[in-house]
Amino acid sequence: MKLVKDDDYKRKERKFFKKRPHLIDKYGEVLEKLKTNPFDSSLKTHKLKGDLSEFYACSLTYEYRIICVFLIQNETIVLVDIGSHDEVY
């Protein structure tokens, strides 16, 4: 799978890690797992409901999530948002 980060996501990512630099290594591990197998059980990937029903979420840690869109036909994952549960939902 290919991961895509638009400019908006890159801005959110920089802001997120400015406050939480200790999570950068874990983030790298999660992105590698997303590329290899987006439904790896350790990621806890799940489809969202309601207004976010076109998106999936996976766990960075218990507290932090990554929101993404899976475009399976192109084997592409578009990263949309990163943050705490309350920030991204």
PDB file of N, CA and C in Angstrom:
ATOM      1  N   MET A   1       0.844  -1.182   0.000  1.00  0.00           N
ATOM      2  CA  MET A   1       0.000   0.000   0.000  1.00  0.00           C
ATOM      3  C   MET A   1       0.891   1.247   0.000  1.00  0.00           C
ATOM      4  N   LYS A   2       0.364   2.287  -0.595  1.00  0.00           N
ATOM      5  CA  LYS A   2       1.065   3.573  -0.644  1.00  0.00           C
ATOM      6  C   LYS A   2       0.368   4.537   0.312  1.00  0.00           C
ATOM      7  N   LEU A   3       1.141   5.271   1.095  1.00  0.00           N
ATOM      8  CA  LEU A   3       0.584   6.270   2.012  1.00  0.00           C
ATOM      9  C   LEU A   3       0.707   7.649   1.388  1.00  0.00           C
ATOM     10  N   VAL A   4      -0.386   8.423   1.466  1.00  0.00           N
ATOM     11  CA  VAL A   4      -0.415   9.775   0.898  1.00  0.00           C
ATOM     12  C   VAL A   4      -0.700  10.768   2.023  1.00  0.00           C
ATOM     13  N   LYS A   5       0.117  11.818   2.078  1.00  0.00           N
ATOM     14  CA  LYS A   5      -0.070  12.895   3.064  1.00  0.00           C
ATOM     15  C   LYS A   5      -0.215  14.199   2.289  1.00  0.00           C
ATOM     16  N   ASP A   6      -1.396  14.825   2.387  1.00  0.00           N
ATOM     17  CA  ASP A   6      -1.550  16.126   1.738  1.00  0.00           C
ATOM     18  C   ASP A   6      -0.962  17.207   2.653  1.00  0.00           C
ATOM     19  N   ASP A   7      -0.935  18.441   2.172  1.00  0.00           N
ATOM     20  CA  ASP A   7      -0.330  19.538   2.947  1.00  0.00           C
ATOM     21  C   ASP A   7      -1.038  19.760   4.279  1.00  0.00           C
ATOM     22  N   ASP A   8      -2.363  19.608   4.299  1.00  0.00           N
ATOM     23  CA  ASP A   8      -3.131  19.788   5.527  1.00  0.00           C
ATOM     24  C   ASP A   8      -2.714  18.745   6.570  1.00  0.00           C
ATOM     25  N   TYR A   9      -2.573  17.502   6.135  1.00  0.00           N
ATOM     26  CA  TYR A   9      -2.160  16.445   7.061  1.00  0.00           C
ATOM     27  C   TYR A   9      -0.734  16.696   7.562  1.00  0.00           C
ATOM     28  N   LYS A  10       0.153  17.090   6.676  1.00  0.00           N
ATOM     29  CA  LYS A  10       1.538  17.356   7.071  1.00  0.00           C
ATOM     30  C   LYS A  10       1.609  18.448   8.140  1.00  0.00           C
ATOM     31  N   ARG A  11       0.752  19.462   8.019  1.00  0.00           N
ATOM     32  CA  ARG A  11       0.698  20.535   9.018  1.00  0.00           C
ATOM     33  C   ARG A  11       0.228  19.972  10.358  1.00  0.00           C
ATOM     34  N   LYS A  12      -0.826  19.149  10.334  1.00  0.00           N
ATOM     35  CA  LYS A  12      -1.333  18.537  11.567  1.00  0.00           C
ATOM     36  C   LYS A  12      -0.286  17.626  12.197  1.00  0.00           C
ATOM     37  N   GLU A  13       0.429  16.903  11.345  1.00  0.00           N
ATOM     38  CA  GLU A  13       1.465  15.987  11.807  1.00  0.00           C
ATOM     39  C   GLU A  13       2.589  16.758  12.521  1.00  0.00           C
ATOM     40  N   ARG A  14       3.060  17.855  11.908  1.00  0.00           N
ATOM     41  CA  ARG A  14       4.113  18.676  12.531  1.00  0.00           C
ATOM     42  C   ARG A  14       3.656  19.210  13.891  1.00  0.00           C
ATOM     43  N   LYS A  15       2.432  19.733  13.927  1.00  0.00           N
ATOM     44  CA  LYS A  15       1.883  20.290  15.164  1.00  0.00           C
ATOM     45  C   LYS A  15       1.766  19.204  16.244  1.00  0.00           C
ATOM     46  N   PHE A  16       1.288  18.030  15.842  1.00  0.00           N
ATOM     47  CA  PHE A  16       1.116  16.906  16.761  1.00  0.00           C
ATOM     48  C   PHE A  16       2.447  16.504  17.392  1.00  0.00           C
ATOM     49  N   PHE A  17       3.485  16.345  16.563  1.00  0.00           N
ATOM     50  CA  PHE A  17       4.771  15.878  17.074  1.00  0.00           C
ATOM     51  C   PHE A  17       5.600  16.962  17.746  1.00  0.00           C
ATOM     52  N   LYS A  18       5.260  18.213  17.520  1.00  0.00           N
ATOM     53  CA  LYS A  18       5.929  19.296  18.239  1.00  0.00           C
ATOM     54  C   LYS A  18       5.642  19.167  19.736  1.00  0.00           C
ATOM     55  N   LYS A  19       4.412  18.751  20.061  1.00  0.00           N
ATOM     56  CA  LYS A  19       4.004  18.581  21.457  1.00  0.00           C
ATOM     57  C   LYS A  19       4.332  17.192  21.991  1.00  0.00           C
ATOM     58  N   ARG A  20       4.516  16.202  21.081  1.00  0.00           N
ATOM     59  CA  ARG A  20       4.689  14.813  21.508  1.00  0.00           C
ATOM     60  C   ARG A  20       5.846  14.128  20.765  1.00  0.00           C
ATOM     61  N   PRO A  21       7.057  14.667  20.870  1.00  0.00           N
ATOM     62  CA  PRO A  21       8.185  14.085  20.123  1.00  0.00           C
ATOM     63  C   PRO A  21       8.507  12.643  20.529  1.00  0.00           C
ATOM     64  N   HIS A  22       8.099  12.244  21.720  1.00  0.00           N
ATOM     65  CA  HIS A  22       8.370  10.888  22.187  1.00  0.00           C
ATOM     66  C   HIS A  22       7.605   9.818  21.392  1.00  0.00           C
ATOM     67  N   LEU A  23       6.629  10.229  20.582  1.00  0.00           N
ATOM     68  CA  LEU A  23       5.834   9.272  19.809  1.00  0.00           C
ATOM     69  C   LEU A  23       6.320   9.092  18.365  1.00  0.00           C
ATOM     70  N   ILE A  24       7.372   9.775  17.971  1.00  0.00           N
ATOM     71  CA  ILE A  24       7.832   9.724  16.575  1.00  0.00           C
ATOM     72  C   ILE A  24       8.239   8.309  16.164  1.00  0.00           C
ATOM     73  N   ASP A  25       8.982   7.601  17.001  1.00  0.00           N
ATOM     74  CA  ASP A  25       9.401   6.235  16.658  1.00  0.00           C
ATOM     75  C   ASP A  25       8.197   5.307  16.532  1.00  0.00           C
ATOM     76  N   LYS A  26       7.269   5.413  17.458  1.00  0.00           N
ATOM     77  CA  LYS A  26       6.052   4.587  17.420  1.00  0.00           C
ATOM     78  C   LYS A  26       5.266   4.886  16.143  1.00  0.00           C
ATOM     79  N   TYR A  27       5.192   6.140  15.759  1.00  0.00           N
ATOM     80  CA  TYR A  27       4.494   6.572  14.544  1.00  0.00           C
ATOM     81  C   TYR A  27       5.106   5.916  13.304  1.00  0.00           C
ATOM     82  N   GLY A  28       6.425   5.877  13.240  1.00  0.00           N
ATOM     83  CA  GLY A  28       7.103   5.221  12.126  1.00  0.00           C
ATOM     84  C   GLY A  28       6.736   3.754  12.031  1.00  0.00           C
ATOM     85  N   GLU A  29       6.659   3.077  13.183  1.00  0.00           N
ATOM     86  CA  GLU A  29       6.270   1.666  13.219  1.00  0.00           C
ATOM     87  C   GLU A  29       4.831   1.489  12.721  1.00  0.00           C
ATOM     88  N   VAL A  30       3.938   2.357  13.157  1.00  0.00           N
ATOM     89  CA  VAL A  30       2.536   2.273  12.752  1.00  0.00           C
ATOM     90  C   VAL A  30       2.389   2.497  11.250  1.00  0.00           C
ATOM     91  N   LEU A  31       3.106   3.468  10.700  1.00  0.00           N
ATOM     92  CA  LEU A  31       3.026   3.724   9.256  1.00  0.00           C
ATOM     93  C   LEU A  31       3.538   2.528   8.452  1.00  0.00           C
ATOM     94  N   GLU A  32       4.590   1.874   8.925  1.00  0.00           N
ATOM     95  CA  GLU A  32       5.102   0.686   8.230  1.00  0.00           C
ATOM     96  C   GLU A  32       4.075  -0.440   8.253  1.00  0.00           C
ATOM     97  N   LYS A  33       3.409  -0.620   9.397  1.00  0.00           N
ATOM     98  CA  LYS A  33       2.364  -1.648   9.489  1.00  0.00           C
ATOM     99  C   LYS A  33       1.195  -1.306   8.578  1.00  0.00           C
ATOM    100  N   LEU A  34       0.826  -0.021   8.501  1.00  0.00           N
ATOM    101  CA  LEU A  34      -0.262   0.403   7.608  1.00  0.00           C
ATOM    102  C   LEU A  34       0.067   0.064   6.157  1.00  0.00           C
ATOM    103  N   LYS A  35       1.307   0.293   5.753  1.00  0.00           N
ATOM    104  CA  LYS A  35       1.722  -0.011   4.384  1.00  0.00           C
ATOM    105  C   LYS A  35       1.645  -1.503   4.095  1.00  0.00           C
ATOM    106  N   THR A  36       2.092  -2.303   5.057  1.00  0.00           N
ATOM    107  CA  THR A  36       2.168  -3.748   4.879  1.00  0.00           C
ATOM    108  C   THR A  36       0.801  -4.414   4.996  1.00  0.00           C
ATOM    109  N   ASN A  37       0.098  -4.100   6.077  1.00  0.00           N
ATOM    110  CA  ASN A  37      -1.210  -4.704   6.336  1.00  0.00           C
ATOM    111  C   ASN A  37      -2.048  -3.724   7.143  1.00  0.00           C
ATOM    112  N   PRO A  38      -2.906  -2.942   6.474  1.00  0.00           N
ATOM    113  CA  PRO A  38      -3.676  -1.920   7.193  1.00  0.00           C
ATOM    114  C   PRO A  38      -4.630  -2.482   8.251  1.00  0.00           C
ATOM    115  N   PHE A  39      -4.892  -3.781   8.192  1.00  0.00           N
ATOM    116  CA  PHE A  39      -5.801  -4.382   9.171  1.00  0.00           C
ATOM    117  C   PHE A  39      -5.057  -5.263  10.175  1.00  0.00           C
ATOM    118  N   ASP A  40      -3.774  -5.003  10.370  1.00  0.00           N
ATOM    119  CA  ASP A  40      -2.994  -5.698  11.386  1.00  0.00           C
ATOM    120  C   ASP A  40      -3.700  -5.497  12.728  1.00  0.00           C
ATOM    121  N   SER A  41      -3.840  -6.562  13.491  1.00  0.00           N
ATOM    122  CA  SER A  41      -4.616  -6.482  14.742  1.00  0.00           C
ATOM    123  C   SER A  41      -4.041  -5.475  15.733  1.00  0.00           C
ATOM    124  N   SER A  42      -2.740  -5.246  15.702  1.00  0.00           N
ATOM    125  CA  SER A  42      -2.147  -4.291  16.651  1.00  0.00           C
ATOM    126  C   SER A  42      -2.551  -2.849  16.347  1.00  0.00           C
ATOM    127  N   LEU A  43      -3.004  -2.565  15.122  1.00  0.00           N
ATOM    128  CA  LEU A  43      -3.432  -1.210  14.753  1.00  0.00           C
ATOM    129  C   LEU A  43      -4.864  -0.907  15.187  1.00  0.00           C
ATOM    130  N   LYS A  44      -5.636  -1.954  15.448  1.00  0.00           N
ATOM    131  CA  LYS A  44      -7.049  -1.794  15.831  1.00  0.00           C
ATOM    132  C   LYS A  44      -7.808  -0.948  14.797  1.00  0.00           C
ATOM    133  N   THR A  45      -7.541  -1.200  13.520  1.00  0.00           N
ATOM    134  CA  THR A  45      -8.192  -0.466  12.435  1.00  0.00           C
ATOM    135  C   THR A  45      -9.679  -0.778  12.423  1.00  0.00           C
ATOM    136  N   HIS A  46     -10.479   0.269  12.321  1.00  0.00           N
ATOM    137  CA  HIS A  46     -11.931   0.086  12.286  1.00  0.00           C
ATOM    138  C   HIS A  46     -12.586   1.184  11.458  1.00  0.00           C
ATOM    139  N   LYS A  47     -13.710   0.846  10.868  1.00  0.00           N
ATOM    140  CA  LYS A  47     -14.487   1.788  10.073  1.00  0.00           C
ATOM    141  C   LYS A  47     -15.249   2.699  11.027  1.00  0.00           C
ATOM    142  N   LEU A  48     -15.310   3.968  10.684  1.00  0.00           N
ATOM    143  CA  LEU A  48     -16.015   4.928  11.525  1.00  0.00           C
ATOM    144  C   LEU A  48     -17.481   5.010  11.126  1.00  0.00           C
ATOM    145  N   LYS A  49     -18.262   5.622  11.973  1.00  0.00           N
ATOM    146  CA  LYS A  49     -19.712   5.743  11.736  1.00  0.00           C
ATOM    147  C   LYS A  49     -20.115   7.208  11.701  1.00  0.00           C
ATOM    148  N   GLY A  50     -21.343   7.456  11.313  1.00  0.00           N
ATOM    149  CA  GLY A  50     -21.883   8.812  11.308  1.00  0.00           C
ATOM    150  C   GLY A  50     -21.270   9.667  10.225  1.00  0.00           C
ATOM    151  N   ASP A  51     -20.952  10.907  10.572  1.00  0.00           N
ATOM    152  CA  ASP A  51     -20.391  11.857   9.605  1.00  0.00           C
ATOM    153  C   ASP A  51     -19.039  11.409   9.042  1.00  0.00           C
ATOM    154  N   LEU A  52     -18.361  10.539   9.761  1.00  0.00           N
ATOM    155  CA  LEU A  52     -17.034  10.078   9.334  1.00  0.00           C
ATOM    156  C   LEU A  52     -17.076   8.675   8.724  1.00  0.00           C
ATOM    157  N   SER A  53     -18.243   8.252   8.256  1.00  0.00           N
ATOM    158  CA  SER A  53     -18.423   6.870   7.804  1.00  0.00           C
ATOM    159  C   SER A  53     -17.585   6.481   6.588  1.00  0.00           C
ATOM    160  N   GLU A  54     -17.027   7.434   5.874  1.00  0.00           N
ATOM    161  CA  GLU A  54     -16.178   7.096   4.733  1.00  0.00           C
ATOM    162  C   GLU A  54     -14.722   6.867   5.159  1.00  0.00           C
ATOM    163  N   PHE A  55     -14.420   7.035   6.440  1.00  0.00           N
ATOM    164  CA  PHE A  55     -13.064   6.940   6.949  1.00  0.00           C
ATOM    165  C   PHE A  55     -12.851   5.714   7.826  1.00  0.00           C
ATOM    166  N   TYR A  56     -11.584   5.408   8.022  1.00  0.00           N
ATOM    167  CA  TYR A  56     -11.156   4.390   8.979  1.00  0.00           C
ATOM    168  C   TYR A  56     -10.263   5.074   9.999  1.00  0.00           C
ATOM    169  N   ALA A  57     -10.150   4.461  11.158  1.00  0.00           N
ATOM    170  CA  ALA A  57      -9.227   4.956  12.169  1.00  0.00           C
ATOM    171  C   ALA A  57      -8.332   3.804  12.594  1.00  0.00           C
ATOM    172  N   CYS A  58      -7.114   4.127  12.950  1.00  0.00           N
ATOM    173  CA  CYS A  58      -6.235   3.138  13.552  1.00  0.00           C
ATOM    174  C   CYS A  58      -5.562   3.796  14.744  1.00  0.00           C
ATOM    175  N   SER A  59      -5.059   2.971  15.639  1.00  0.00           N
ATOM    176  CA  SER A  59      -4.476   3.477  16.878  1.00  0.00           C
ATOM    177  C   SER A  59      -2.984   3.718  16.733  1.00  0.00           C
ATOM    178  N   LEU A  60      -2.553   4.863  17.188  1.00  0.00           N
ATOM    179  CA  LEU A  60      -1.129   5.140  17.347  1.00  0.00           C
ATOM    180  C   LEU A  60      -0.723   4.656  18.743  1.00  0.00           C
ATOM    181  N   THR A  61      -1.514   5.056  19.728  1.00  0.00           N
ATOM    182  CA  THR A  61      -1.400   4.555  21.103  1.00  0.00           C
ATOM    183  C   THR A  61      -2.835   4.420  21.600  1.00  0.00           C
ATOM    184  N   TYR A  62      -2.985   4.058  22.849  1.00  0.00           N
ATOM    185  CA  TYR A  62      -4.336   3.963  23.400  1.00  0.00           C
ATOM    186  C   TYR A  62      -5.066   5.295  23.290  1.00  0.00           C
ATOM    187  N   GLU A  63      -4.339   6.386  23.482  1.00  0.00           N
ATOM    188  CA  GLU A  63      -4.949   7.721  23.507  1.00  0.00           C
ATOM    189  C   GLU A  63      -5.038   8.384  22.130  1.00  0.00           C
ATOM    190  N   TYR A  64      -4.097   8.095  21.242  1.00  0.00           N
ATOM    191  CA  TYR A  64      -4.003   8.822  19.973  1.00  0.00           C
ATOM    192  C   TYR A  64      -4.388   7.963  18.777  1.00  0.00           C
ATOM    193  N   ARG A  65      -5.058   8.603  17.799  1.00  0.00           N
ATOM    194  CA  ARG A  65      -5.562   7.918  16.610  1.00  0.00           C
ATOM    195  C   ARG A  65      -5.052   8.584  15.343  1.00  0.00           C
ATOM    196  N   ILE A  66      -5.072   7.799  14.268  1.00  0.00           N
ATOM    197  CA  ILE A  66      -4.813   8.312  12.929  1.00  0.00           C
ATOM    198  C   ILE A  66      -6.062   8.019  12.114  1.00  0.00           C
ATOM    199  N   ILE A  67      -6.621   9.041  11.482  1.00  0.00           N
ATOM    200  CA  ILE A  67      -7.793   8.872  10.624  1.00  0.00           C
ATOM    201  C   ILE A  67      -7.309   8.802   9.180  1.00  0.00           C
ATOM    202  N   CYS A  68      -7.843   7.847   8.430  1.00  0.00           N
ATOM    203  CA  CYS A  68      -7.401   7.706   7.047  1.00  0.00           C
ATOM    204  C   CYS A  68      -8.541   7.216   6.159  1.00  0.00           C
ATOM    205  N   VAL A  69      -8.339   7.393   4.879  1.00  0.00           N
ATOM    206  CA  VAL A  69      -9.264   6.895   3.862  1.00  0.00           C
ATOM    207  C   VAL A  69      -8.517   5.808   3.104  1.00  0.00           C
ATOM    208  N   PHE A  70      -9.137   4.652   2.948  1.00  0.00           N
ATOM    209  CA  PHE A  70      -8.524   3.589   2.167  1.00  0.00           C
ATOM    210  C   PHE A  70      -9.105   3.614   0.768  1.00  0.00           C
ATOM    211  N   LEU A  71      -8.258   3.772  -0.216  1.00  0.00           N
ATOM    212  CA  LEU A  71      -8.674   3.675  -1.606  1.00  0.00           C
ATOM    213  C   LEU A  71      -8.091   2.361  -2.117  1.00  0.00           C
ATOM    214  N   ILE A  72      -8.805   1.300  -1.865  1.00  0.00           N
ATOM    215  CA  ILE A  72      -8.291  -0.037  -2.110  1.00  0.00           C
ATOM    216  C   ILE A  72      -7.969  -0.271  -3.589  1.00  0.00           C
ATOM    217  N   GLN A  73      -8.767   0.282  -4.504  1.00  0.00           N
ATOM    218  CA  GLN A  73      -8.531   0.025  -5.913  1.00  0.00           C
ATOM    219  C   GLN A  73      -7.157   0.507  -6.376  1.00  0.00           C
ATOM    220  N   ASN A  74      -6.653   1.543  -5.786  1.00  0.00           N
ATOM    221  CA  ASN A  74      -5.329   2.061  -6.150  1.00  0.00           C
ATOM    222  C   ASN A  74      -4.263   1.649  -5.142  1.00  0.00           C
ATOM    223  N   GLU A  75      -4.650   0.809  -4.191  1.00  0.00           N
ATOM    224  CA  GLU A  75      -3.759   0.416  -3.105  1.00  0.00           C
ATOM    225  C   GLU A  75      -3.116   1.632  -2.456  1.00  0.00           C
ATOM    226  N   THR A  76      -3.969   2.599  -2.149  1.00  0.00           N
ATOM    227  CA  THR A  76      -3.520   3.860  -1.569  1.00  0.00           C
ATOM    228  C   THR A  76      -4.263   4.130  -0.273  1.00  0.00           C
ATOM    229  N   ILE A  77      -3.544   4.615   0.715  1.00  0.00           N
ATOM    230  CA  ILE A  77      -4.143   5.064   1.969  1.00  0.00           C
ATOM    231  C   ILE A  77      -3.858   6.551   2.080  1.00  0.00           C
ATOM    232  N   VAL A  78      -4.913   7.344   2.175  1.00  0.00           N
ATOM    233  CA  VAL A  78      -4.776   8.793   2.322  1.00  0.00           C
ATOM    234  C   VAL A  78      -4.929   9.122   3.800  1.00  0.00           C
ATOM    235  N   LEU A  79      -3.884   9.664   4.396  1.00  0.00           N
ATOM    236  CA  LEU A  79      -3.932  10.042   5.809  1.00  0.00           C
ATOM    237  C   LEU A  79      -4.647  11.382   5.927  1.00  0.00           C
ATOM    238  N   VAL A  80      -5.605  11.453   6.854  1.00  0.00           N
ATOM    239  CA  VAL A  80      -6.490  12.610   6.952  1.00  0.00           C
ATOM    240  C   VAL A  80      -6.259  13.419   8.217  1.00  0.00           C
ATOM    241  N   ASP A  81      -6.101  12.743   9.373  1.00  0.00           N
ATOM    242  CA  ASP A  81      -5.998  13.466  10.638  1.00  0.00           C
ATOM    243  C   ASP A  81      -5.230  12.632  11.636  1.00  0.00           C
ATOM    244  N   ILE A  82      -4.644  13.287  12.604  1.00  0.00           N
ATOM    245  CA  ILE A  82      -3.920  12.624  13.692  1.00  0.00           C
ATOM    246  C   ILE A  82      -4.179  13.427  14.953  1.00  0.00           C
ATOM    247  N   GLY A  83      -4.390  12.726  16.062  1.00  0.00           N
ATOM    248  CA  GLY A  83      -4.619  13.417  17.319  1.00  0.00           C
ATOM    249  C   GLY A  83      -5.266  12.507  18.350  1.00  0.00           C
ATOM    250  N   SER A  84      -5.663  13.087  19.445  1.00  0.00           N
ATOM    251  CA  SER A  84      -6.330  12.314  20.487  1.00  0.00           C
ATOM    252  C   SER A  84      -7.719  11.931  20.011  1.00  0.00           C
ATOM    253  N   HIS A  85      -8.321  11.021  20.709  1.00  0.00           N
ATOM    254  CA  HIS A  85      -9.670  10.560  20.366  1.00  0.00           C
ATOM    255  C   HIS A  85     -10.614  11.747  20.239  1.00  0.00           C
ATOM    256  N   ASP A  86     -10.605  12.638  21.209  1.00  0.00           N
ATOM    257  CA  ASP A  86     -11.510  13.785  21.197  1.00  0.00           C
ATOM    258  C   ASP A  86     -11.172  14.787  20.085  1.00  0.00           C
ATOM    259  N   GLU A  87      -9.908  14.903  19.726  1.00  0.00           N
ATOM    260  CA  GLU A  87      -9.506  15.853  18.687  1.00  0.00           C
ATOM    261  C   GLU A  87      -9.941  15.412  17.284  1.00  0.00           C
ATOM    262  N   VAL A  88      -9.851  14.130  17.001  1.00  0.00           N
ATOM    263  CA  VAL A  88     -10.118  13.667  15.638  1.00  0.00           C
ATOM    264  C   VAL A  88     -11.560  13.259  15.380  1.00  0.00           C
ATOM    265  N   TYR A  89     -12.325  12.995  16.441  1.00  0.00           N
ATOM    266  CA  TYR A  89     -13.726  12.616  16.233  1.00  0.00           C
ATOM    267  C   TYR A  89     -14.580  13.803  16.462  1.00  0.00           C
TER     268      TYR A  89
END
